[in-house]
Amino acid sequence: MRVIAELPHPDFKISILNMNRKFIIKIEQGNLEQTYKVAEADVLDGVNSVFELLDEDFLKTVSIRFTEMRKDFKDSYNRYNY
């Protein structure tokens, strides 16, 4: 697996990796991570098509999901500590 691109974003670390004829989109925020896989055959213009997938609407849902993930983990952690 190798990193082929990193996209600047104020709230996330976004890395595009390539492995086994798939693009792997890795989005990190703190100790949380979301990963999406796209087959190279499913996009027309290689990594440029992957960049197009990462539009504003998609990144808004990623942000919401991070908030939900953080809450879910915090709730579980609190149950564990009681």
PDB file of N, CA and C in Angstrom:
ATOM      1  N   MET A   1       0.857  -1.163   0.000  1.00  0.00           N
ATOM      2  CA  MET A   1       0.000   0.000   0.000  1.00  0.00           C
ATOM      3  C   MET A   1       0.903   1.224   0.000  1.00  0.00           C
ATOM      4  N   ARG A   2       0.570   2.152  -0.881  1.00  0.00           N
ATOM      5  CA  ARG A   2       1.391   3.366  -0.912  1.00  0.00           C
ATOM      6  C   ARG A   2       0.510   4.602  -1.016  1.00  0.00           C
ATOM      7  N   VAL A   3       0.932   5.662  -0.364  1.00  0.00           N
ATOM      8  CA  VAL A   3       0.219   6.934  -0.425  1.00  0.00           C
ATOM      9  C   VAL A   3       0.532   7.578  -1.772  1.00  0.00           C
ATOM     10  N   ILE A   4      -0.520   7.934  -2.513  1.00  0.00           N
ATOM     11  CA  ILE A   4      -0.300   8.590  -3.800  1.00  0.00           C
ATOM     12  C   ILE A   4      -0.704  10.055  -3.775  1.00  0.00           C
ATOM     13  N   ALA A   5      -1.484  10.463  -2.753  1.00  0.00           N
ATOM     14  CA  ALA A   5      -1.859  11.878  -2.642  1.00  0.00           C
ATOM     15  C   ALA A   5      -2.351  12.164  -1.235  1.00  0.00           C
ATOM     16  N   GLU A   6      -2.182  13.403  -0.831  1.00  0.00           N
ATOM     17  CA  GLU A   6      -2.777  13.910   0.403  1.00  0.00           C
ATOM     18  C   GLU A   6      -3.471  15.208   0.050  1.00  0.00           C
ATOM     19  N   LEU A   7      -4.705  15.343   0.528  1.00  0.00           N
ATOM     20  CA  LEU A   7      -5.485  16.538   0.219  1.00  0.00           C
ATOM     21  C   LEU A   7      -5.559  17.425   1.453  1.00  0.00           C
ATOM     22  N   PRO A   8      -5.283  18.693   1.288  1.00  0.00           N
ATOM     23  CA  PRO A   8      -5.391  19.584   2.438  1.00  0.00           C
ATOM     24  C   PRO A   8      -6.862  19.801   2.810  1.00  0.00           C
ATOM     25  N   HIS A   9      -7.135  19.806   4.098  1.00  0.00           N
ATOM     26  CA  HIS A   9      -8.472  20.096   4.609  1.00  0.00           C
ATOM     27  C   HIS A   9      -8.302  20.620   6.030  1.00  0.00           C
ATOM     28  N   PRO A  10      -9.076  21.638   6.414  1.00  0.00           N
ATOM     29  CA  PRO A  10      -8.882  22.216   7.748  1.00  0.00           C
ATOM     30  C   PRO A  10      -9.286  21.308   8.905  1.00  0.00           C
ATOM     31  N   ASP A  11     -10.179  20.335   8.671  1.00  0.00           N
ATOM     32  CA  ASP A  11     -10.694  19.517   9.760  1.00  0.00           C
ATOM     33  C   ASP A  11     -10.218  18.063   9.749  1.00  0.00           C
ATOM     34  N   PHE A  12      -9.723  17.575   8.621  1.00  0.00           N
ATOM     35  CA  PHE A  12      -9.361  16.172   8.480  1.00  0.00           C
ATOM     36  C   PHE A  12      -7.976  16.031   7.858  1.00  0.00           C
ATOM     37  N   LYS A  13      -7.417  14.858   8.043  1.00  0.00           N
ATOM     38  CA  LYS A  13      -6.261  14.452   7.240  1.00  0.00           C
ATOM     39  C   LYS A  13      -6.820  13.490   6.193  1.00  0.00           C
ATOM     40  N   ILE A  14      -6.664  13.827   4.924  1.00  0.00           N
ATOM     41  CA  ILE A  14      -7.198  13.011   3.838  1.00  0.00           C
ATOM     42  C   ILE A  14      -6.028  12.462   3.032  1.00  0.00           C
ATOM     43  N   SER A  15      -5.953  11.130   2.973  1.00  0.00           N
ATOM     44  CA  SER A  15      -4.907  10.461   2.208  1.00  0.00           C
ATOM     45  C   SER A  15      -5.555   9.554   1.168  1.00  0.00           C
ATOM     46  N   ILE A  16      -4.966   9.515  -0.009  1.00  0.00           N
ATOM     47  CA  ILE A  16      -5.388   8.587  -1.057  1.00  0.00           C
ATOM     48  C   ILE A  16      -4.254   7.583  -1.218  1.00  0.00           C
ATOM     49  N   LEU A  17      -4.602   6.317  -1.070  1.00  0.00           N
ATOM     50  CA  LEU A  17      -3.614   5.250  -1.190  1.00  0.00           C
ATOM     51  C   LEU A  17      -3.992   4.353  -2.357  1.00  0.00           C
ATOM     52  N   ASN A  18      -3.034   3.551  -2.794  1.00  0.00           N
ATOM     53  CA  ASN A  18      -3.280   2.622  -3.885  1.00  0.00           C
ATOM     54  C   ASN A  18      -2.778   1.253  -3.471  1.00  0.00           C
ATOM     55  N   MET A  19      -3.676   0.245  -3.636  1.00  0.00           N
ATOM     56  CA  MET A  19      -3.296  -1.122  -3.304  1.00  0.00           C
ATOM     57  C   MET A  19      -4.229  -2.085  -4.041  1.00  0.00           C
ATOM     58  N   ASN A  20      -3.644  -3.089  -4.664  1.00  0.00           N
ATOM     59  CA  ASN A  20      -4.415  -4.152  -5.321  1.00  0.00           C
ATOM     60  C   ASN A  20      -5.493  -3.610  -6.268  1.00  0.00           C
ATOM     61  N   ARG A  21      -5.112  -2.682  -7.108  1.00  0.00           N
ATOM     62  CA  ARG A  21      -6.002  -2.078  -8.101  1.00  0.00           C
ATOM     63  C   ARG A  21      -7.219  -1.392  -7.485  1.00  0.00           C
ATOM     64  N   LYS A  22      -7.014  -0.859  -6.273  1.00  0.00           N
ATOM     65  CA  LYS A  22      -8.050  -0.084  -5.602  1.00  0.00           C
ATOM     66  C   LYS A  22      -7.454   1.213  -5.084  1.00  0.00           C
ATOM     67  N   PHE A  23      -8.272   2.258  -5.113  1.00  0.00           N
ATOM     68  CA  PHE A  23      -7.937   3.492  -4.428  1.00  0.00           C
ATOM     69  C   PHE A  23      -8.570   3.407  -3.050  1.00  0.00           C
ATOM     70  N   ILE A  24      -7.791   3.720  -2.046  1.00  0.00           N
ATOM     71  CA  ILE A  24      -8.278   3.723  -0.674  1.00  0.00           C
ATOM     72  C   ILE A  24      -8.256   5.172  -0.203  1.00  0.00           C
ATOM     73  N   ILE A  25      -9.428   5.652   0.189  1.00  0.00           N
ATOM     74  CA  ILE A  25      -9.572   7.015   0.696  1.00  0.00           C
ATOM     75  C   ILE A  25      -9.600   6.918   2.212  1.00  0.00           C
ATOM     76  N   LYS A  26      -8.594   7.471   2.861  1.00  0.00           N
ATOM     77  CA  LYS A  26      -8.492   7.408   4.317  1.00  0.00           C
ATOM     78  C   LYS A  26      -8.643   8.824   4.868  1.00  0.00           C
ATOM     79  N   ILE A  27      -9.660   8.996   5.706  1.00  0.00           N
ATOM     80  CA  ILE A  27      -9.945  10.304   6.294  1.00  0.00           C
ATOM     81  C   ILE A  27      -9.824  10.159   7.801  1.00  0.00           C
ATOM     82  N   GLU A  28      -8.960  10.963   8.398  1.00  0.00           N
ATOM     83  CA  GLU A  28      -8.687  10.859   9.830  1.00  0.00           C
ATOM     84  C   GLU A  28      -9.022  12.161  10.538  1.00  0.00           C
ATOM     85  N   GLN A  29      -9.527  12.003  11.748  1.00  0.00           N
ATOM     86  CA  GLN A  29      -9.754  13.148  12.625  1.00  0.00           C
ATOM     87  C   GLN A  29      -9.474  12.677  14.051  1.00  0.00           C
ATOM     88  N   GLY A  30      -8.389  13.157  14.618  1.00  0.00           N
ATOM     89  CA  GLY A  30      -8.006  12.711  15.953  1.00  0.00           C
ATOM     90  C   GLY A  30      -7.737  11.218  15.957  1.00  0.00           C
ATOM     91  N   ASN A  31      -8.393  10.499  16.877  1.00  0.00           N
ATOM     92  CA  ASN A  31      -8.172   9.056  16.978  1.00  0.00           C
ATOM     93  C   ASN A  31      -9.195   8.250  16.167  1.00  0.00           C
ATOM     94  N   LEU A  32      -9.972   8.925  15.322  1.00  0.00           N
ATOM     95  CA  LEU A  32     -10.980   8.254  14.505  1.00  0.00           C
ATOM     96  C   LEU A  32     -10.565   8.250  13.038  1.00  0.00           C
ATOM     97  N   GLU A  33     -11.074   7.253  12.313  1.00  0.00           N
ATOM     98  CA  GLU A  33     -10.717   7.107  10.903  1.00  0.00           C
ATOM     99  C   GLU A  33     -11.898   6.542  10.125  1.00  0.00           C
ATOM    100  N   GLN A  34     -12.105   7.069   8.938  1.00  0.00           N
ATOM    101  CA  GLN A  34     -13.076   6.517   7.992  1.00  0.00           C
ATOM    102  C   GLN A  34     -12.302   6.118   6.739  1.00  0.00           C
ATOM    103  N   THR A  35     -12.626   4.941   6.204  1.00  0.00           N
ATOM    104  CA  THR A  35     -11.933   4.432   5.029  1.00  0.00           C
ATOM    105  C   THR A  35     -12.950   4.009   3.986  1.00  0.00           C
ATOM    106  N   TYR A  36     -12.686   4.399   2.745  1.00  0.00           N
ATOM    107  CA  TYR A  36     -13.540   4.055   1.612  1.00  0.00           C
ATOM    108  C   TYR A  36     -12.649   3.465   0.527  1.00  0.00           C
ATOM    109  N   LYS A  37     -13.150   2.431  -0.147  1.00  0.00           N
ATOM    110  CA  LYS A  37     -12.378   1.781  -1.212  1.00  0.00           C
ATOM    111  C   LYS A  37     -13.130   1.912  -2.532  1.00  0.00           C
ATOM    112  N   VAL A  38     -12.374   2.230  -3.578  1.00  0.00           N
ATOM    113  CA  VAL A  38     -12.939   2.374  -4.921  1.00  0.00           C
ATOM    114  C   VAL A  38     -12.038   1.605  -5.879  1.00  0.00           C
ATOM    115  N   ALA A  39     -12.622   0.696  -6.636  1.00  0.00           N
ATOM    116  CA  ALA A  39     -11.839  -0.047  -7.625  1.00  0.00           C
ATOM    117  C   ALA A  39     -11.378   0.901  -8.722  1.00  0.00           C
ATOM    118  N   GLU A  40     -10.144   0.730  -9.167  1.00  0.00           N
ATOM    119  CA  GLU A  40      -9.624   1.568 -10.253  1.00  0.00           C
ATOM    120  C   GLU A  40     -10.525   1.498 -11.479  1.00  0.00           C
ATOM    121  N   ALA A  41     -11.115   0.337 -11.739  1.00  0.00           N
ATOM    122  CA  ALA A  41     -11.978   0.157 -12.910  1.00  0.00           C
ATOM    123  C   ALA A  41     -13.291   0.935 -12.798  1.00  0.00           C
ATOM    124  N   ASP A  42     -13.648   1.372 -11.592  1.00  0.00           N
ATOM    125  CA  ASP A  42     -14.911   2.085 -11.391  1.00  0.00           C
ATOM    126  C   ASP A  42     -14.812   3.592 -11.586  1.00  0.00           C
ATOM    127  N   VAL A  43     -13.614   4.090 -11.817  1.00  0.00           N
ATOM    128  CA  VAL A  43     -13.444   5.530 -12.053  1.00  0.00           C
ATOM    129  C   VAL A  43     -12.750   5.730 -13.402  1.00  0.00           C
ATOM    130  N   LEU A  44     -13.143   6.773 -14.095  1.00  0.00           N
ATOM    131  CA  LEU A  44     -12.662   6.981 -15.462  1.00  0.00           C
ATOM    132  C   LEU A  44     -11.282   7.619 -15.547  1.00  0.00           C
ATOM    133  N   ASP A  45     -10.985   8.549 -14.629  1.00  0.00           N
ATOM    134  CA  ASP A  45      -9.773   9.348 -14.754  1.00  0.00           C
ATOM    135  C   ASP A  45      -8.806   9.125 -13.594  1.00  0.00           C
ATOM    136  N   GLY A  46      -8.717   7.889 -13.125  1.00  0.00           N
ATOM    137  CA  GLY A  46      -7.754   7.566 -12.074  1.00  0.00           C
ATOM    138  C   GLY A  46      -7.961   8.363 -10.806  1.00  0.00           C
ATOM    139  N   VAL A  47      -6.865   8.772 -10.220  1.00  0.00           N
ATOM    140  CA  VAL A  47      -6.918   9.478  -8.946  1.00  0.00           C
ATOM    141  C   VAL A  47      -7.659  10.810  -9.080  1.00  0.00           C
ATOM    142  N   ASN A  48      -7.661  11.427 -10.249  1.00  0.00           N
ATOM    143  CA  ASN A  48      -8.416  12.671 -10.438  1.00  0.00           C
ATOM    144  C   ASN A  48      -9.902  12.454 -10.215  1.00  0.00           C
ATOM    145  N   SER A  49     -10.410  11.306 -10.620  1.00  0.00           N
ATOM    146  CA  SER A  49     -11.818  10.977 -10.366  1.00  0.00           C
ATOM    147  C   SER A  49     -12.074  10.799  -8.876  1.00  0.00           C
ATOM    148  N   VAL A  50     -11.114  10.258  -8.164  1.00  0.00           N
ATOM    149  CA  VAL A  50     -11.257  10.111  -6.719  1.00  0.00           C
ATOM    150  C   VAL A  50     -11.372  11.487  -6.075  1.00  0.00           C
ATOM    151  N   PHE A  51     -10.559  12.438  -6.524  1.00  0.00           N
ATOM    152  CA  PHE A  51     -10.645  13.809  -6.001  1.00  0.00           C
ATOM    153  C   PHE A  51     -12.046  14.366  -6.198  1.00  0.00           C
ATOM    154  N   GLU A  52     -12.653  14.085  -7.341  1.00  0.00           N
ATOM    155  CA  GLU A  52     -13.995  14.595  -7.633  1.00  0.00           C
ATOM    156  C   GLU A  52     -15.040  14.000  -6.697  1.00  0.00           C
ATOM    157  N   LEU A  53     -14.830  12.780  -6.247  1.00  0.00           N
ATOM    158  CA  LEU A  53     -15.767  12.156  -5.306  1.00  0.00           C
ATOM    159  C   LEU A  53     -15.797  12.879  -3.963  1.00  0.00           C
ATOM    160  N   LEU A  54     -14.696  13.519  -3.619  1.00  0.00           N
ATOM    161  CA  LEU A  54     -14.563  14.163  -2.311  1.00  0.00           C
ATOM    162  C   LEU A  54     -15.091  15.594  -2.353  1.00  0.00           C
ATOM    163  N   ASP A  55     -16.351  15.732  -2.752  1.00  0.00           N
ATOM    164  CA  ASP A  55     -16.934  17.063  -2.870  1.00  0.00           C
ATOM    165  C   ASP A  55     -17.424  17.564  -1.506  1.00  0.00           C
ATOM    166  N   GLU A  56     -17.903  18.789  -1.487  1.00  0.00           N
ATOM    167  CA  GLU A  56     -18.313  19.440  -0.243  1.00  0.00           C
ATOM    168  C   GLU A  56     -19.430  18.670   0.469  1.00  0.00           C
ATOM    169  N   ASP A  57     -20.416  18.189  -0.277  1.00  0.00           N
ATOM    170  CA  ASP A  57     -21.514  17.444   0.338  1.00  0.00           C
ATOM    171  C   ASP A  57     -21.016  16.165   1.002  1.00  0.00           C
ATOM    172  N   PHE A  58     -20.139  15.439   0.325  1.00  0.00           N
ATOM    173  CA  PHE A  58     -19.591  14.206   0.899  1.00  0.00           C
ATOM    174  C   PHE A  58     -18.817  14.518   2.174  1.00  0.00           C
ATOM    175  N   LEU A  59     -17.975  15.541   2.144  1.00  0.00           N
ATOM    176  CA  LEU A  59     -17.162  15.861   3.317  1.00  0.00           C
ATOM    177  C   LEU A  59     -18.014  16.356   4.481  1.00  0.00           C
ATOM    178  N   LYS A  60     -19.168  16.968   4.205  1.00  0.00           N
ATOM    179  CA  LYS A  60     -20.091  17.342   5.282  1.00  0.00           C
ATOM    180  C   LYS A  60     -20.616  16.097   5.983  1.00  0.00           C
ATOM    181  N   THR A  61     -20.966  15.069   5.210  1.00  0.00           N
ATOM    182  CA  THR A  61     -21.460  13.842   5.835  1.00  0.00           C
ATOM    183  C   THR A  61     -20.340  13.125   6.596  1.00  0.00           C
ATOM    184  N   VAL A  62     -19.122  13.229   6.098  1.00  0.00           N
ATOM    185  CA  VAL A  62     -17.975  12.663   6.816  1.00  0.00           C
ATOM    186  C   VAL A  62     -17.841  13.336   8.181  1.00  0.00           C
ATOM    187  N   SER A  63     -17.987  14.643   8.212  1.00  0.00           N
ATOM    188  CA  SER A  63     -17.892  15.388   9.467  1.00  0.00           C
ATOM    189  C   SER A  63     -18.984  14.966  10.441  1.00  0.00           C
ATOM    190  N   ILE A  64     -20.207  14.826   9.945  1.00  0.00           N
ATOM    191  CA  ILE A  64     -21.323  14.389  10.790  1.00  0.00           C
ATOM    192  C   ILE A  64     -21.048  12.988  11.332  1.00  0.00           C
ATOM    193  N   ARG A  65     -20.535  12.121  10.473  1.00  0.00           N
ATOM    194  CA  ARG A  65     -20.238  10.745  10.884  1.00  0.00           C
ATOM    195  C   ARG A  65     -19.156  10.724  11.965  1.00  0.00           C
ATOM    196  N   PHE A  66     -18.149  11.580  11.844  1.00  0.00           N
ATOM    197  CA  PHE A  66     -17.119  11.649  12.889  1.00  0.00           C
ATOM    198  C   PHE A  66     -17.741  12.047  14.228  1.00  0.00           C
ATOM    199  N   THR A  67     -18.655  13.008  14.191  1.00  0.00           N
ATOM    200  CA  THR A  67     -19.335  13.433  15.419  1.00  0.00           C
ATOM    201  C   THR A  67     -20.100  12.263  16.029  1.00  0.00           C
ATOM    202  N   GLU A  68     -20.817  11.509  15.192  1.00  0.00           N
ATOM    203  CA  GLU A  68     -21.567  10.344  15.670  1.00  0.00           C
ATOM    204  C   GLU A  68     -20.626   9.261  16.198  1.00  0.00           C
ATOM    205  N   MET A  69     -19.532   9.025  15.491  1.00  0.00           N
ATOM    206  CA  MET A  69     -18.564   8.017  15.936  1.00  0.00           C
ATOM    207  C   MET A  69     -17.993   8.381  17.302  1.00  0.00           C
ATOM    208  N   ARG A  70     -17.642   9.656  17.461  1.00  0.00           N
ATOM    209  CA  ARG A  70     -17.062  10.108  18.723  1.00  0.00           C
ATOM    210  C   ARG A  70     -18.053   9.909  19.860  1.00  0.00           C
ATOM    211  N   LYS A  71     -19.334  10.262  19.626  1.00  0.00           N
ATOM    212  CA  LYS A  71     -20.369  10.094  20.640  1.00  0.00           C
ATOM    213  C   LYS A  71     -20.562   8.613  20.973  1.00  0.00           C
ATOM    214  N   ASP A  72     -20.646   7.771  19.947  1.00  0.00           N
ATOM    215  CA  ASP A  72     -20.832   6.334  20.173  1.00  0.00           C
ATOM    216  C   ASP A  72     -19.704   5.752  21.018  1.00  0.00           C
ATOM    217  N   PHE A  73     -18.470   6.132  20.682  1.00  0.00           N
ATOM    218  CA  PHE A  73     -17.332   5.598  21.427  1.00  0.00           C
ATOM    219  C   PHE A  73     -17.322   6.120  22.864  1.00  0.00           C
ATOM    220  N   LYS A  74     -17.622   7.402  23.025  1.00  0.00           N
ATOM    221  CA  LYS A  74     -17.654   7.990  24.367  1.00  0.00           C
ATOM    222  C   LYS A  74     -18.720   7.307  25.221  1.00  0.00           C
ATOM    223  N   ASP A  75     -19.905   7.071  24.645  1.00  0.00           N
ATOM    224  CA  ASP A  75     -20.974   6.392  25.374  1.00  0.00           C
ATOM    225  C   ASP A  75     -20.530   4.985  25.783  1.00  0.00           C
ATOM    226  N   SER A  76     -19.919   4.265  24.884  1.00  0.00           N
ATOM    227  CA  SER A  76     -19.443   2.904  25.188  1.00  0.00           C
ATOM    228  C   SER A  76     -18.369   2.945  26.269  1.00  0.00           C
ATOM    229  N   TYR A  77     -17.459   3.868  26.144  1.00  0.00           N
ATOM    230  CA  TYR A  77     -16.379   4.000  27.118  1.00  0.00           C
ATOM    231  C   TYR A  77     -16.950   4.295  28.512  1.00  0.00           C
ATOM    232  N   ASN A  78     -17.952   5.174  28.567  1.00  0.00           N
ATOM    233  CA  ASN A  78     -18.571   5.501  29.853  1.00  0.00           C
ATOM    234  C   ASN A  78     -19.279   4.296  30.457  1.00  0.00           C
ATOM    235  N   ARG A  79     -19.921   3.473  29.643  1.00  0.00           N
ATOM    236  CA  ARG A  79     -20.558   2.254  30.153  1.00  0.00           C
ATOM    237  C   ARG A  79     -19.506   1.297  30.703  1.00  0.00           C
ATOM    238  N   TYR A  80     -18.383   1.226  30.045  1.00  0.00           N
ATOM    239  CA  TYR A  80     -17.299   0.341  30.453  1.00  0.00           C
ATOM    240  C   TYR A  80     -16.720   0.769  31.807  1.00  0.00           C
ATOM    241  N   ASN A  81     -16.624   2.056  32.046  1.00  0.00           N
ATOM    242  CA  ASN A  81     -16.009   2.567  33.261  1.00  0.00           C
ATOM    243  C   ASN A  81     -16.941   2.557  34.468  1.00  0.00           C
ATOM    244  N   TYR A  82     -18.200   2.154  34.303  1.00  0.00           N
ATOM    245  CA  TYR A  82     -19.115   2.132  35.445  1.00  0.00           C
ATOM    246  C   TYR A  82     -19.306   0.756  35.975  1.00  0.00           C
TER     247      TYR A  82
END
